[in-house]
Amino acid sequence: SPAGSFDSFGSMQNNSVNSEEVEKLKEKMKIEMQKRLEAEKNRQAALDETFRLEQQLLDEQASVQSLKSQLQQQAIIIEKLKAFAQERDSACKSTQTDVLRLTGQIEQLTIHNNENTEVINRTQQE
């Protein structure tokens, strides 16, 4: 015979079983919802961490770009300094050449002057 045809004691017992099953289902549902909530918290934490790492990566990329720019500027300055040093060396060599040439001319003029002085002295002595 169907479950509803029990006497009132049996019917109450049947209701009690259903009530226990409902409580068990409620408890399972509560546990499942807690698991889902925990999983959602973990997912959100992972997303937050991913965002933080992406931001850190962007900051580091900006730092690298800044360093590259500084290195390029330093390389330009170094090239300018090299060019300046080459110009200075060239000017020094040119000056050395001029000094040697002028020293040679002074020596020649000194020799010539000494010869003239000797001639004048001889002429005066005669």
C-alpha atoms as a PDB file:
ATOM      1  CA  SER A   1       0.000   0.000   0.000  1.00  0.00           C
ATOM      2  CA  PRO A   2       1.192   3.613  -0.612  1.00  0.00           C
ATOM      3  CA  ALA A   3       3.299   5.478   1.978  1.00  0.00           C
ATOM      4  CA  GLY A   4       0.380   7.854   2.795  1.00  0.00           C
ATOM      5  CA  SER A   5      -1.843   5.028   3.976  1.00  0.00           C
ATOM      6  CA  PHE A   6       0.093   4.302   7.185  1.00  0.00           C
ATOM      7  CA  ASP A   7      -1.565   5.005  10.480  1.00  0.00           C
ATOM      8  CA  SER A   8      -0.815   8.334  12.160  1.00  0.00           C
ATOM      9  CA  PHE A   9       2.230   6.928  14.007  1.00  0.00           C
ATOM     10  CA  GLY A  10       3.652   5.497  10.763  1.00  0.00           C
ATOM     11  CA  SER A  11       2.871   8.708   8.951  1.00  0.00           C
ATOM     12  CA  MET A  12       4.695  10.747  11.575  1.00  0.00           C
ATOM     13  CA  GLN A  13       7.600   8.338  11.367  1.00  0.00           C
ATOM     14  CA  ASN A  14       7.603   8.832   7.581  1.00  0.00           C
ATOM     15  CA  ASN A  15       7.546  12.639   8.060  1.00  0.00           C
ATOM     16  CA  SER A  16      10.422  12.300  10.504  1.00  0.00           C
ATOM     17  CA  VAL A  17      12.497  10.391   7.921  1.00  0.00           C
ATOM     18  CA  ASN A  18      11.740  13.043   5.297  1.00  0.00           C
ATOM     19  CA  SER A  19      12.687  15.754   7.796  1.00  0.00           C
ATOM     20  CA  GLU A  20      16.020  13.996   8.504  1.00  0.00           C
ATOM     21  CA  GLU A  21      16.680  13.660   4.770  1.00  0.00           C
ATOM     22  CA  VAL A  22      15.866  17.352   4.305  1.00  0.00           C
ATOM     23  CA  GLU A  23      18.282  18.230   7.152  1.00  0.00           C
ATOM     24  CA  LYS A  24      20.990  16.028   5.594  1.00  0.00           C
ATOM     25  CA  LEU A  25      20.425  17.678   2.202  1.00  0.00           C
ATOM     26  CA  LYS A  26      20.513  21.115   3.830  1.00  0.00           C
ATOM     27  CA  GLU A  27      23.809  20.218   5.532  1.00  0.00           C
ATOM     28  CA  LYS A  28      25.270  18.876   2.252  1.00  0.00           C
ATOM     29  CA  MET A  29      24.107  22.035   0.498  1.00  0.00           C
ATOM     30  CA  LYS A  30      25.620  24.195   3.224  1.00  0.00           C
ATOM     31  CA  ILE A  31      28.962  22.349   2.887  1.00  0.00           C
ATOM     32  CA  GLU A  32      28.809  22.643  -0.913  1.00  0.00           C
ATOM     33  CA  MET A  33      28.080  26.375  -0.688  1.00  0.00           C
ATOM     34  CA  GLN A  34      30.989  26.810   1.741  1.00  0.00           C
ATOM     35  CA  LYS A  35      33.253  24.952  -0.706  1.00  0.00           C
ATOM     36  CA  ARG A  36      32.039  27.164  -3.567  1.00  0.00           C
ATOM     37  CA  LEU A  37      32.522  30.282  -1.472  1.00  0.00           C
ATOM     38  CA  GLU A  38      36.041  29.166  -0.549  1.00  0.00           C
ATOM     39  CA  ALA A  39      36.786  28.385  -4.212  1.00  0.00           C
ATOM     40  CA  GLU A  40      35.501  31.849  -5.209  1.00  0.00           C
ATOM     41  CA  LYS A  41      37.687  33.481  -2.519  1.00  0.00           C
ATOM     42  CA  ASN A  42      40.691  31.523  -3.820  1.00  0.00           C
ATOM     43  CA  ARG A  43      39.860  32.480  -7.410  1.00  0.00           C
ATOM     44  CA  GLN A  44      39.584  36.148  -6.433  1.00  0.00           C
ATOM     45  CA  ALA A  45      42.870  35.941  -4.504  1.00  0.00           C
ATOM     46  CA  ALA A  46      44.522  34.378  -7.562  1.00  0.00           C
ATOM     47  CA  LEU A  47      43.123  37.144  -9.779  1.00  0.00           C
ATOM     48  CA  ASP A  48      44.370  39.787  -7.328  1.00  0.00           C
ATOM     49  CA  GLU A  49      47.818  38.176  -7.271  1.00  0.00           C
ATOM     50  CA  THR A  50      47.842  37.971 -11.084  1.00  0.00           C
ATOM     51  CA  PHE A  51      46.922  41.655 -11.294  1.00  0.00           C
ATOM     52  CA  ARG A  52      49.630  42.549  -8.750  1.00  0.00           C
ATOM     53  CA  LEU A  53      52.247  40.567 -10.706  1.00  0.00           C
ATOM     54  CA  GLU A  54      51.163  42.131 -14.004  1.00  0.00           C
ATOM     55  CA  GLN A  55      51.456  45.594 -12.420  1.00  0.00           C
ATOM     56  CA  GLN A  56      54.890  44.697 -11.046  1.00  0.00           C
ATOM     57  CA  LEU A  57      55.931  43.471 -14.504  1.00  0.00           C
ATOM     58  CA  LEU A  58      54.744  46.720 -16.093  1.00  0.00           C
ATOM     59  CA  ASP A  59      56.677  48.714 -13.476  1.00  0.00           C
ATOM     60  CA  GLU A  60      59.797  46.645 -14.106  1.00  0.00           C
ATOM     61  CA  GLN A  61      59.404  47.062 -17.872  1.00  0.00           C
ATOM     62  CA  ALA A  62      59.152  50.824 -17.370  1.00  0.00           C
ATOM     63  CA  SER A  63      62.308  50.715 -15.237  1.00  0.00           C
ATOM     64  CA  VAL A  64      64.121  48.692 -17.901  1.00  0.00           C
ATOM     65  CA  GLN A  65      63.001  51.189 -20.568  1.00  0.00           C
ATOM     66  CA  SER A  66      64.247  54.055 -18.398  1.00  0.00           C
ATOM     67  CA  LEU A  67      67.599  52.317 -17.903  1.00  0.00           C
ATOM     68  CA  LYS A  68      67.883  51.656 -21.650  1.00  0.00           C
ATOM     69  CA  SER A  69      67.229  55.339 -22.292  1.00  0.00           C
ATOM     70  CA  GLN A  70      69.876  56.331 -19.728  1.00  0.00           C
ATOM     71  CA  LEU A  71      72.378  53.918 -21.285  1.00  0.00           C
ATOM     72  CA  GLN A  72      71.683  55.345 -24.740  1.00  0.00           C
ATOM     73  CA  GLN A  73      72.236  58.873 -23.418  1.00  0.00           C
ATOM     74  CA  GLN A  74      75.465  57.751 -21.739  1.00  0.00           C
ATOM     75  CA  ALA A  75      76.616  56.087 -24.979  1.00  0.00           C
ATOM     76  CA  ILE A  76      75.987  59.375 -26.844  1.00  0.00           C
ATOM     77  CA  ILE A  77      77.976  61.282 -24.200  1.00  0.00           C
ATOM     78  CA  ILE A  78      80.811  58.747 -24.422  1.00  0.00           C
ATOM     79  CA  GLU A  79      80.904  59.131 -28.220  1.00  0.00           C
ATOM     80  CA  LYS A  80      81.001  62.930 -27.842  1.00  0.00           C
ATOM     81  CA  LEU A  81      83.824  62.612 -25.296  1.00  0.00           C
ATOM     82  CA  LYS A  82      85.749  60.303 -27.659  1.00  0.00           C
ATOM     83  CA  ALA A  83      85.310  62.795 -30.500  1.00  0.00           C
ATOM     84  CA  PHE A  84      86.427  65.620 -28.202  1.00  0.00           C
ATOM     85  CA  ALA A  85      89.480  63.590 -27.112  1.00  0.00           C
ATOM     86  CA  GLN A  86      90.360  62.896 -30.761  1.00  0.00           C
ATOM     87  CA  GLU A  87      90.042  66.596 -31.580  1.00  0.00           C
ATOM     88  CA  ARG A  88      92.186  67.447 -28.545  1.00  0.00           C
ATOM     89  CA  ASP A  89      94.823  64.859 -29.550  1.00  0.00           C
ATOM     90  CA  SER A  90      94.817  66.205 -33.091  1.00  0.00           C
ATOM     91  CA  ALA A  91      95.170  69.772 -31.790  1.00  0.00           C
ATOM     92  CA  CYS A  92      98.004  68.661 -29.477  1.00  0.00           C
ATOM     93  CA  LYS A  93      99.844  66.986 -32.362  1.00  0.00           C
ATOM     94  CA  SER A  94      99.322  70.082 -34.489  1.00  0.00           C
ATOM     95  CA  THR A  95     100.621  72.273 -31.645  1.00  0.00           C
ATOM     96  CA  GLN A  96     103.616  69.965 -31.169  1.00  0.00           C
ATOM     97  CA  THR A  97     104.353  70.213 -34.883  1.00  0.00           C
ATOM     98  CA  ASP A  98     104.043  74.016 -34.701  1.00  0.00           C
ATOM     99  CA  VAL A  99     106.325  74.137 -31.624  1.00  0.00           C
ATOM    100  CA  LEU A 100     108.936  71.969 -33.368  1.00  0.00           C
ATOM    101  CA  ARG A 101     108.734  74.119 -36.507  1.00  0.00           C
ATOM    102  CA  LEU A 102     108.995  77.352 -34.527  1.00  0.00           C
ATOM    103  CA  THR A 103     111.814  75.933 -32.384  1.00  0.00           C
ATOM    104  CA  GLY A 104     113.660  75.062 -35.624  1.00  0.00           C
ATOM    105  CA  GLN A 105     113.079  78.604 -36.929  1.00  0.00           C
ATOM    106  CA  ILE A 106     114.330  80.112 -33.633  1.00  0.00           C
ATOM    107  CA  GLU A 107     117.422  77.905 -33.823  1.00  0.00           C
ATOM    108  CA  GLN A 108     118.032  79.020 -37.422  1.00  0.00           C
ATOM    109  CA  LEU A 109     117.493  82.695 -36.469  1.00  0.00           C
ATOM    110  CA  THR A 110     119.774  82.270 -33.444  1.00  0.00           C
ATOM    111  CA  ILE A 111     122.505  80.751 -35.650  1.00  0.00           C
ATOM    112  CA  HIS A 112     122.030  83.543 -38.196  1.00  0.00           C
ATOM    113  CA  ASN A 113     122.035  86.163 -35.418  1.00  0.00           C
ATOM    114  CA  ASN A 114     125.227  84.681 -33.938  1.00  0.00           C
ATOM    115  CA  GLU A 115     126.866  84.756 -37.374  1.00  0.00           C
ATOM    116  CA  ASN A 116     125.826  88.396 -37.815  1.00  0.00           C
ATOM    117  CA  THR A 117     127.133  89.241 -34.351  1.00  0.00           C
ATOM    118  CA  GLU A 118     130.494  87.622 -35.208  1.00  0.00           C
ATOM    119  CA  VAL A 119     130.668  89.592 -38.468  1.00  0.00           C
ATOM    120  CA  ILE A 120     129.849  92.851 -36.630  1.00  0.00           C
ATOM    121  CA  ASN A 121     132.426  92.090 -33.906  1.00  0.00           C
ATOM    122  CA  ARG A 122     135.115  91.314 -36.552  1.00  0.00           C
ATOM    123  CA  THR A 123     134.224  94.428 -38.451  1.00  0.00           C
ATOM    124  CA  GLN A 124     134.458  96.534 -35.301  1.00  0.00           C
ATOM    125  CA  GLN A 125     137.794  94.996 -34.395  1.00  0.00           C
ATOM    126  CA  GLU A 126     139.286  95.811 -37.772  1.00  0.00           C
END
